Amino acid sequence: MSNVDTRQVNRDSLFLLAQLKVAGQDQAHRVKVRNLSAGGMMAEGDVRVTRGSLVSVDLRNLGWVEGSVAWKQDNRFGIAFVEEIDPAVVRGPAQAPAQTFDPPRYTRVAQSAVPGQQVDPSRLRKV
């Protein structure tokens, strides 16, 4: 697609914070997502990037998306994604991360709470 063709792509204007990493740098930068389409986004932030820089951006509900800087002007820059995304997923409500830890012991059902099973009183904790 030429530049003229890509300017006609539907974009969603929004305000969303995201983390951005520049290839070759360990530090993540906080950027504002100003608009978003399936093929790219406009970001705003104090990040040192140049046209062609490889970047990854952590988008809500999608995770890390790879792309390259297509243009830069002052503290705003455009990112062209390597693979298209679904902008509706990013606009949707934030999804809670999967629970990857065991709940605290005090929130679990006691093993001795099985109906018909006798409880040894010496094993009970006094409160």
N, C-alpha and C. Protein backbone atom coordinates (compact mmCIF):
# COMPACT_ATOMS: atom_id res chain seq x y z
N MET A 1 0.83 -1.19 0.00
CA MET A 1 0.00 0.00 0.00
C MET A 1 0.87 1.25 0.00
N SER A 2 0.47 2.21 -0.75
CA SER A 2 1.20 3.47 -0.74
C SER A 2 0.74 4.31 0.43
N ASN A 3 1.45 5.40 0.70
CA ASN A 3 1.07 6.29 1.80
C ASN A 3 -0.33 6.85 1.62
N VAL A 4 -0.72 7.11 0.37
CA VAL A 4 -2.04 7.65 0.10
C VAL A 4 -3.09 6.63 0.49
N ASP A 5 -2.86 5.35 0.17
CA ASP A 5 -3.82 4.30 0.50
C ASP A 5 -3.98 4.12 2.01
N THR A 6 -2.90 4.17 2.76
CA THR A 6 -2.97 3.91 4.19
C THR A 6 -3.64 5.05 4.95
N ARG A 7 -3.68 6.24 4.42
CA ARG A 7 -4.33 7.36 5.11
C ARG A 7 -5.85 7.17 5.12
N GLN A 8 -6.39 6.29 4.28
CA GLN A 8 -7.84 6.07 4.24
C GLN A 8 -8.29 4.95 5.18
N VAL A 9 -7.36 4.30 5.89
CA VAL A 9 -7.70 3.22 6.81
C VAL A 9 -8.43 3.80 8.01
N ASN A 10 -9.49 3.11 8.45
CA ASN A 10 -10.24 3.58 9.62
C ASN A 10 -9.37 3.55 10.86
N ARG A 11 -9.43 4.61 11.63
CA ARG A 11 -8.69 4.72 12.89
C ARG A 11 -9.67 5.03 14.00
N ASP A 12 -9.35 4.52 15.18
CA ASP A 12 -10.15 4.84 16.35
C ASP A 12 -9.36 5.83 17.19
N SER A 13 -9.93 7.00 17.41
CA SER A 13 -9.29 7.96 18.31
C SER A 13 -9.59 7.51 19.73
N LEU A 14 -8.58 7.48 20.55
CA LEU A 14 -8.75 7.07 21.93
C LEU A 14 -7.59 7.60 22.74
N PHE A 15 -7.70 7.45 24.04
CA PHE A 15 -6.61 7.82 24.92
C PHE A 15 -6.37 6.62 25.82
N LEU A 16 -5.20 6.01 25.66
CA LEU A 16 -4.87 4.80 26.38
C LEU A 16 -3.39 4.83 26.69
N LEU A 17 -3.01 4.40 27.87
CA LEU A 17 -1.59 4.32 28.21
C LEU A 17 -1.08 2.93 27.87
N ALA A 18 0.15 2.87 27.40
CA ALA A 18 0.76 1.59 27.03
C ALA A 18 2.25 1.64 27.33
N GLN A 19 2.87 0.48 27.42
CA GLN A 19 4.31 0.38 27.59
C GLN A 19 4.92 0.13 26.22
N LEU A 20 6.07 0.74 25.96
CA LEU A 20 6.75 0.60 24.67
C LEU A 20 8.21 0.28 24.92
N LYS A 21 8.72 -0.69 24.19
CA LYS A 21 10.15 -1.02 24.25
C LYS A 21 10.76 -0.82 22.87
N VAL A 22 11.92 -0.20 22.87
CA VAL A 22 12.67 0.00 21.62
C VAL A 22 13.68 -1.13 21.53
N ALA A 23 13.82 -1.74 20.36
CA ALA A 23 14.76 -2.84 20.18
C ALA A 23 16.17 -2.39 20.59
N GLY A 24 16.84 -3.23 21.36
CA GLY A 24 18.19 -2.92 21.81
C GLY A 24 18.25 -2.18 23.13
N GLN A 25 17.09 -1.82 23.67
CA GLN A 25 17.03 -1.14 24.96
C GLN A 25 16.21 -1.99 25.94
N ASP A 26 16.67 -2.05 27.19
CA ASP A 26 15.96 -2.83 28.20
C ASP A 26 14.80 -2.06 28.82
N GLN A 27 14.90 -0.76 28.84
CA GLN A 27 13.92 0.08 29.52
C GLN A 27 12.61 0.15 28.75
N ALA A 28 11.49 0.05 29.49
CA ALA A 28 10.17 0.26 28.89
C ALA A 28 9.76 1.71 29.12
N HIS A 29 9.10 2.30 28.15
CA HIS A 29 8.65 3.69 28.23
C HIS A 29 7.13 3.71 28.23
N ARG A 30 6.56 4.63 29.02
CA ARG A 30 5.11 4.81 29.01
C ARG A 30 4.77 5.78 27.90
N VAL A 31 3.82 5.39 27.04
CA VAL A 31 3.38 6.25 25.95
C VAL A 31 1.85 6.35 25.98
N LYS A 32 1.34 7.39 25.36
CA LYS A 32 -0.09 7.56 25.19
C LYS A 32 -0.45 7.10 23.79
N VAL A 33 -1.45 6.24 23.68
CA VAL A 33 -1.95 5.80 22.38
C VAL A 33 -3.02 6.80 21.98
N ARG A 34 -2.77 7.54 20.90
CA ARG A 34 -3.70 8.59 20.47
C ARG A 34 -4.72 8.08 19.46
N ASN A 35 -4.31 7.20 18.55
CA ASN A 35 -5.28 6.55 17.68
C ASN A 35 -4.74 5.17 17.30
N LEU A 36 -5.65 4.33 16.86
CA LEU A 36 -5.32 2.93 16.66
C LEU A 36 -6.10 2.37 15.47
N SER A 37 -5.43 1.59 14.67
CA SER A 37 -6.09 0.88 13.57
C SER A 37 -5.53 -0.53 13.54
N ALA A 38 -6.04 -1.34 12.65
CA ALA A 38 -5.58 -2.72 12.56
C ALA A 38 -4.10 -2.79 12.17
N GLY A 39 -3.64 -1.82 11.42
CA GLY A 39 -2.27 -1.86 10.92
C GLY A 39 -1.25 -1.02 11.67
N GLY A 40 -1.72 -0.18 12.62
CA GLY A 40 -0.76 0.67 13.32
C GLY A 40 -1.40 1.58 14.33
N MET A 41 -0.59 2.48 14.87
CA MET A 41 -1.07 3.39 15.89
C MET A 41 -0.24 4.66 15.92
N MET A 42 -0.79 5.71 16.55
CA MET A 42 -0.02 6.90 16.82
C MET A 42 0.23 6.94 18.32
N ALA A 43 1.49 7.12 18.71
CA ALA A 43 1.87 7.20 20.12
C ALA A 43 2.44 8.57 20.41
N GLU A 44 2.34 8.94 21.68
CA GLU A 44 2.90 10.20 22.14
C GLU A 44 3.69 9.93 23.41
N GLY A 45 4.93 10.40 23.44
CA GLY A 45 5.74 10.22 24.64
C GLY A 45 7.17 10.66 24.40
N ASP A 46 7.89 10.78 25.49
CA ASP A 46 9.30 11.18 25.41
C ASP A 46 10.17 9.94 25.23
N VAL A 47 10.20 9.45 24.01
CA VAL A 47 10.97 8.25 23.66
C VAL A 47 11.87 8.62 22.49
N ARG A 48 13.12 8.25 22.60
CA ARG A 48 14.04 8.52 21.49
C ARG A 48 13.93 7.41 20.46
N VAL A 49 13.24 7.72 19.38
CA VAL A 49 13.09 6.79 18.27
C VAL A 49 13.36 7.54 16.98
N THR A 50 13.70 6.79 15.96
CA THR A 50 13.86 7.35 14.62
C THR A 50 13.04 6.51 13.66
N ARG A 51 12.80 7.05 12.51
CA ARG A 51 12.05 6.32 11.49
C ARG A 51 12.77 5.01 11.22
N GLY A 52 12.03 3.91 11.25
CA GLY A 52 12.60 2.59 11.01
C GLY A 52 12.97 1.83 12.27
N SER A 53 12.95 2.49 13.44
CA SER A 53 13.27 1.80 14.70
C SER A 53 12.28 0.66 14.94
N LEU A 54 12.79 -0.49 15.37
CA LEU A 54 11.93 -1.61 15.72
C LEU A 54 11.47 -1.44 17.15
N VAL A 55 10.17 -1.61 17.38
CA VAL A 55 9.59 -1.41 18.70
C VAL A 55 8.59 -2.52 19.00
N SER A 56 8.25 -2.66 20.27
CA SER A 56 7.15 -3.51 20.73
C SER A 56 6.32 -2.68 21.67
N VAL A 57 5.02 -2.82 21.57
CA VAL A 57 4.12 -2.07 22.44
C VAL A 57 3.15 -3.04 23.11
N ASP A 58 2.96 -2.85 24.41
CA ASP A 58 2.08 -3.70 25.19
C ASP A 58 0.68 -3.10 25.18
N LEU A 59 -0.21 -3.65 24.35
CA LEU A 59 -1.56 -3.13 24.22
C LEU A 59 -2.52 -3.91 25.10
N ARG A 60 -3.43 -3.19 25.74
CA ARG A 60 -4.41 -3.79 26.65
C ARG A 60 -5.15 -4.94 25.96
N ASN A 61 -5.29 -6.05 26.65
CA ASN A 61 -6.00 -7.25 26.22
C ASN A 61 -5.32 -8.01 25.08
N LEU A 62 -4.21 -7.48 24.53
CA LEU A 62 -3.50 -8.17 23.45
C LEU A 62 -2.11 -8.62 23.85
N GLY A 63 -1.45 -7.83 24.67
CA GLY A 63 -0.07 -8.12 25.01
C GLY A 63 0.88 -7.38 24.07
N TRP A 64 2.08 -7.91 23.95
CA TRP A 64 3.12 -7.22 23.18
C TRP A 64 2.91 -7.40 21.68
N VAL A 65 2.92 -6.28 20.96
CA VAL A 65 2.74 -6.26 19.50
C VAL A 65 3.99 -5.61 18.91
N GLU A 66 4.57 -6.25 17.91
CA GLU A 66 5.79 -5.73 17.28
C GLU A 66 5.46 -4.83 16.10
N GLY A 67 6.36 -3.86 15.88
CA GLY A 67 6.17 -2.95 14.77
C GLY A 67 7.42 -2.14 14.53
N SER A 68 7.30 -1.18 13.63
CA SER A 68 8.42 -0.28 13.36
C SER A 68 7.89 1.15 13.26
N VAL A 69 8.75 2.10 13.59
CA VAL A 69 8.37 3.51 13.56
C VAL A 69 8.27 3.95 12.10
N ALA A 70 7.09 4.43 11.70
CA ALA A 70 6.85 4.86 10.33
C ALA A 70 7.15 6.34 10.13
N TRP A 71 6.93 7.14 11.17
CA TRP A 71 7.18 8.58 11.10
C TRP A 71 7.34 9.11 12.52
N LYS A 72 7.94 10.29 12.63
CA LYS A 72 8.13 10.94 13.92
C LYS A 72 8.03 12.44 13.74
N GLN A 73 7.31 13.09 14.66
CA GLN A 73 7.21 14.55 14.65
C GLN A 73 7.06 15.00 16.10
N ASP A 74 8.07 15.74 16.58
CA ASP A 74 8.13 16.18 17.97
C ASP A 74 8.06 14.96 18.90
N ASN A 75 7.07 14.91 19.80
CA ASN A 75 6.99 13.77 20.70
C ASN A 75 5.92 12.76 20.28
N ARG A 76 5.45 12.87 19.06
CA ARG A 76 4.48 11.91 18.51
C ARG A 76 5.14 11.11 17.40
N PHE A 77 4.72 9.86 17.28
CA PHE A 77 5.26 9.01 16.22
C PHE A 77 4.26 7.92 15.85
N GLY A 78 4.37 7.46 14.62
CA GLY A 78 3.49 6.41 14.13
C GLY A 78 4.21 5.07 14.14
N ILE A 79 3.49 4.04 14.47
CA ILE A 79 4.03 2.68 14.48
C ILE A 79 3.22 1.84 13.51
N ALA A 80 3.91 1.18 12.59
CA ALA A 80 3.28 0.23 11.68
C ALA A 80 3.48 -1.17 12.25
N PHE A 81 2.39 -1.88 12.55
CA PHE A 81 2.49 -3.20 13.14
C PHE A 81 2.98 -4.22 12.12
N VAL A 82 3.71 -5.22 12.58
CA VAL A 82 4.18 -6.31 11.72
C VAL A 82 2.98 -7.13 11.26
N GLU A 83 2.06 -7.43 12.18
CA GLU A 83 0.84 -8.17 11.86
C GLU A 83 -0.36 -7.35 12.30
N GLU A 84 -1.45 -7.43 11.56
CA GLU A 84 -2.64 -6.68 11.90
C GLU A 84 -3.24 -7.16 13.22
N ILE A 85 -3.88 -6.25 13.92
CA ILE A 85 -4.54 -6.56 15.19
C ILE A 85 -6.02 -6.25 15.07
N ASP A 86 -6.79 -6.60 16.08
CA ASP A 86 -8.20 -6.23 16.14
C ASP A 86 -8.33 -5.08 17.14
N PRO A 87 -8.51 -3.86 16.66
CA PRO A 87 -8.59 -2.71 17.57
C PRO A 87 -9.75 -2.80 18.57
N ALA A 88 -10.81 -3.52 18.22
CA ALA A 88 -11.95 -3.65 19.12
C ALA A 88 -11.55 -4.37 20.41
N VAL A 89 -10.61 -5.29 20.32
CA VAL A 89 -10.15 -6.02 21.50
C VAL A 89 -9.43 -5.05 22.44
N VAL A 90 -8.62 -4.17 21.90
CA VAL A 90 -7.88 -3.21 22.70
C VAL A 90 -8.83 -2.21 23.35
N ARG A 91 -9.86 -1.79 22.63
CA ARG A 91 -10.84 -0.83 23.15
C ARG A 91 -11.73 -1.43 24.23
N GLY A 92 -11.87 -2.74 24.25
CA GLY A 92 -12.76 -3.41 25.20
C GLY A 92 -12.29 -3.22 26.63
N PRO A 93 -13.15 -3.59 27.59
CA PRO A 93 -12.76 -3.46 28.99
C PRO A 93 -11.54 -4.32 29.31
N ALA A 94 -10.73 -3.84 30.20
CA ALA A 94 -9.51 -4.58 30.57
C ALA A 94 -9.90 -5.91 31.18
N GLN A 95 -9.22 -6.95 30.73
CA GLN A 95 -9.47 -8.29 31.24
C GLN A 95 -8.53 -8.57 32.39
N ALA A 96 -9.03 -9.21 33.40
CA ALA A 96 -8.19 -9.57 34.56
C ALA A 96 -7.21 -10.65 34.13
N PRO A 97 -5.95 -10.56 34.58
CA PRO A 97 -5.00 -11.60 34.24
C PRO A 97 -5.40 -12.91 34.89
N ALA A 98 -5.00 -14.02 34.26
CA ALA A 98 -5.31 -15.33 34.81
C ALA A 98 -4.67 -15.49 36.17
N GLN A 99 -5.39 -16.14 37.07
CA GLN A 99 -4.86 -16.35 38.42
C GLN A 99 -3.80 -17.43 38.37
N THR A 100 -2.58 -17.07 38.73
CA THR A 100 -1.47 -18.01 38.64
C THR A 100 -0.87 -18.32 40.00
N PHE A 101 -1.62 -18.07 41.08
CA PHE A 101 -1.10 -18.32 42.41
C PHE A 101 -2.15 -19.07 43.21
N ASP A 102 -1.70 -19.76 44.26
CA ASP A 102 -2.62 -20.43 45.15
C ASP A 102 -3.25 -19.41 46.08
N PRO A 103 -4.54 -19.54 46.33
CA PRO A 103 -5.16 -18.61 47.27
C PRO A 103 -4.60 -18.83 48.68
N PRO A 104 -4.64 -17.81 49.52
CA PRO A 104 -4.15 -17.99 50.89
C PRO A 104 -4.91 -19.10 51.60
N ARG A 105 -4.24 -19.74 52.51
CA ARG A 105 -4.80 -20.89 53.21
C ARG A 105 -6.12 -20.55 53.90
N TYR A 106 -6.21 -19.36 54.46
CA TYR A 106 -7.41 -19.00 55.20
C TYR A 106 -8.64 -18.83 54.30
N THR A 107 -8.47 -18.78 52.98
CA THR A 107 -9.62 -18.66 52.09
C THR A 107 -10.06 -20.00 51.53
N ARG A 108 -9.27 -21.05 51.75
CA ARG A 108 -9.63 -22.37 51.24
C ARG A 108 -10.61 -23.07 52.17
N VAL A 109 -11.41 -23.94 51.61
CA VAL A 109 -12.33 -24.74 52.40
C VAL A 109 -11.52 -25.78 53.16
N ALA A 110 -11.82 -25.94 54.44
CA ALA A 110 -11.10 -26.91 55.25
C ALA A 110 -11.32 -28.31 54.71
N GLN A 111 -10.27 -29.10 54.70
CA GLN A 111 -10.38 -30.47 54.21
C GLN A 111 -11.28 -31.31 55.11
N SER A 112 -11.37 -30.93 56.37
CA SER A 112 -12.20 -31.68 57.31
C SER A 112 -13.67 -31.29 57.22
N ALA A 113 -14.02 -30.40 56.30
CA ALA A 113 -15.40 -29.95 56.18
C ALA A 113 -16.23 -30.87 55.29
N VAL A 114 -15.75 -32.08 55.06
CA VAL A 114 -16.48 -33.03 54.24
C VAL A 114 -17.62 -33.59 55.10
N PRO A 115 -18.85 -33.55 54.62
CA PRO A 115 -19.98 -34.04 55.41
C PRO A 115 -19.80 -35.51 55.80
N GLY A 116 -20.14 -35.81 57.06
CA GLY A 116 -20.07 -37.19 57.54
C GLY A 116 -18.70 -37.61 58.04
N GLN A 117 -17.71 -36.73 57.90
CA GLN A 117 -16.36 -37.09 58.35
C GLN A 117 -16.12 -36.45 59.72
N GLN A 118 -15.55 -37.23 60.64
CA GLN A 118 -15.28 -36.74 61.98
C GLN A 118 -14.05 -35.84 62.00
N VAL A 119 -14.08 -34.80 62.81
CA VAL A 119 -12.96 -33.88 62.94
C VAL A 119 -12.27 -34.15 64.27
N ASP A 120 -10.96 -34.30 64.23
CA ASP A 120 -10.18 -34.48 65.45
C ASP A 120 -10.03 -33.11 66.09
N PRO A 121 -10.64 -32.89 67.28
CA PRO A 121 -10.59 -31.56 67.92
C PRO A 121 -9.18 -31.08 68.23
N SER A 122 -8.23 -31.95 68.38
CA SER A 122 -6.86 -31.52 68.68
C SER A 122 -6.21 -30.86 67.45
N ARG A 123 -6.75 -31.08 66.29
CA ARG A 123 -6.20 -30.48 65.06
C ARG A 123 -6.79 -29.11 64.76
N LEU A 124 -7.83 -28.74 65.49
CA LEU A 124 -8.45 -27.44 65.24
C LEU A 124 -7.67 -26.33 65.94
N ARG A 125 -7.55 -25.21 65.30
CA ARG A 125 -6.87 -24.05 65.86
C ARG A 125 -7.84 -23.22 66.66
N LYS A 126 -7.41 -22.77 67.81
CA LYS A 126 -8.27 -21.93 68.65
C LYS A 126 -8.06 -20.47 68.24
N VAL A 127 -9.15 -19.78 68.10
CA VAL A 127 -9.12 -18.38 67.67
C VAL A 127 -9.43 -17.47 68.83
